[in-house]
Amino acid sequence: VYCGNKRCFTRTFFDKNRILLLIFRVWSKEFDVGDYKWRLIIYPYGKEKDHSHVSVYLAMAETSSLPIDWEFNANFTIFLYNQISMFSIKRRAAL
C-alpha cells in the first residue's frame, strides 16, 4: 500500500489469548516494504526480567546477501491495540 510519500502497511497476526503462556517470542510472516523483506518480532511478556510489558521489534528478514558492514535507516511507527481494555499505544522509531 502506498500512502503519499510513505510506504504504509498493516500486519495483524498476534492475539495473546490464543498463544500458550510458555511462548517467549513470536515472529510475523515476512512482508515486503520497498525492496526489502521485514518481519515483526514480539516478546509477549517483554524481553526484560520483570515480564510486565510487551516488546515489539522491526527486523530485516533477509540480511545474508548484504555486505558485512551494512547499515540501514528506517523510520517506522508501531501501533498496538488492546482489544480488551480498548487501550492503544503508538510509537515512532528509527532504525
Protein backbone atom coordinates (compact mmCIF):
# COMPACT_ATOMS: atom_id res chain seq x y z
CA VAL A 1 0.00 0.00 0.00
CA TYR A 2 1.33 3.45 -0.81
CA CYS A 3 0.38 6.44 1.41
CA GLY A 4 1.54 9.75 -0.04
CA ASN A 5 5.32 9.80 0.04
CA LYS A 6 5.46 6.96 2.59
CA ARG A 7 5.08 3.21 2.24
CA CYS A 8 2.34 2.04 4.58
CA PHE A 9 1.36 -1.46 5.59
CA THR A 10 -0.65 -3.23 8.25
CA ARG A 11 0.22 -6.52 9.92
CA THR A 12 -2.29 -8.19 12.20
CA PHE A 13 -1.13 -11.54 13.43
CA PHE A 14 -0.92 -11.69 17.19
CA ASP A 15 -3.65 -12.44 19.68
CA LYS A 16 -2.19 -13.03 23.14
CA ASN A 17 -5.24 -15.04 24.23
CA ARG A 18 -4.52 -17.65 21.54
CA ILE A 19 -0.85 -18.08 22.48
CA LEU A 20 0.31 -20.53 25.13
CA LEU A 21 1.76 -18.84 28.19
CA LEU A 22 5.12 -20.58 27.64
CA ILE A 23 5.88 -18.86 24.33
CA PHE A 24 8.80 -16.49 24.73
CA ARG A 25 8.88 -14.89 21.27
CA VAL A 26 6.57 -14.64 18.24
CA TRP A 27 7.62 -13.80 14.66
CA SER A 28 5.37 -12.43 11.96
CA LYS A 29 5.46 -13.74 8.43
CA GLU A 30 7.84 -11.87 6.16
CA PHE A 31 6.40 -8.85 4.36
CA ASP A 32 7.81 -6.55 1.69
CA VAL A 33 8.21 -2.80 2.04
CA GLY A 34 10.21 -1.20 -0.72
CA ASP A 35 12.90 -3.60 -1.89
CA TYR A 36 13.36 -5.28 1.49
CA LYS A 37 11.77 -8.13 3.43
CA TRP A 38 10.80 -7.38 7.01
CA ARG A 39 9.22 -9.12 9.98
CA LEU A 40 7.94 -8.11 13.39
CA ILE A 41 9.32 -9.85 16.46
CA ILE A 42 7.15 -9.72 19.57
CA TYR A 43 8.02 -10.76 23.09
CA PRO A 44 4.51 -11.10 24.61
CA TYR A 45 5.79 -10.74 28.17
CA GLY A 46 8.67 -8.37 27.45
CA LYS A 47 12.33 -9.02 26.90
CA GLU A 48 13.31 -7.91 30.41
CA LYS A 49 13.14 -9.98 33.59
CA ASP A 50 10.00 -8.46 35.12
CA HIS A 51 7.77 -9.56 32.19
CA SER A 52 5.42 -6.63 32.81
CA HIS A 53 5.18 -5.33 29.26
CA VAL A 54 5.24 -6.36 25.62
CA SER A 55 8.35 -5.74 23.48
CA VAL A 56 7.98 -5.21 19.72
CA TYR A 57 10.84 -5.07 17.20
CA LEU A 58 11.01 -4.43 13.46
CA ALA A 59 13.72 -6.58 11.85
CA MET A 60 15.02 -7.17 8.35
CA ALA A 61 14.17 -10.74 7.41
CA GLU A 62 16.95 -11.23 4.85
CA THR A 63 20.43 -9.99 5.72
CA SER A 64 22.62 -12.80 4.35
CA SER A 65 23.05 -11.12 0.95
CA LEU A 66 24.07 -7.77 2.45
CA PRO A 67 27.72 -6.76 2.99
CA ILE A 68 29.23 -7.39 6.44
CA ASP A 69 29.30 -3.68 7.32
CA TRP A 70 25.80 -2.88 6.04
CA GLU A 71 23.75 -0.10 7.58
CA PHE A 72 20.13 0.79 7.04
CA ASN A 73 17.99 3.72 8.16
CA ALA A 74 14.25 3.22 8.51
CA ASN A 75 11.59 5.37 10.13
CA PHE A 76 8.54 3.47 11.30
CA THR A 77 5.54 3.65 13.60
CA ILE A 78 4.18 0.72 15.59
CA PHE A 79 0.57 0.87 16.77
CA LEU A 80 -0.61 -1.60 19.43
CA TYR A 81 -4.25 -2.01 20.41
CA ASN A 82 -5.56 -3.89 23.42
CA GLN A 83 -9.00 -5.18 22.41
CA ILE A 84 -9.96 -5.96 26.00
CA SER A 85 -9.27 -2.58 27.63
CA MET A 86 -9.67 -0.56 24.39
CA PHE A 87 -6.25 0.97 25.12
CA SER A 88 -3.87 1.75 22.29
CA ILE A 89 -0.32 2.97 22.01
CA LYS A 90 1.55 4.40 19.05
CA ARG A 91 5.34 4.77 18.94
CA ARG A 92 7.53 6.25 16.24
CA ALA A 93 11.08 4.98 15.96
CA ALA A 94 14.05 4.83 13.66
CA LEU A 95 16.49 2.05 12.84
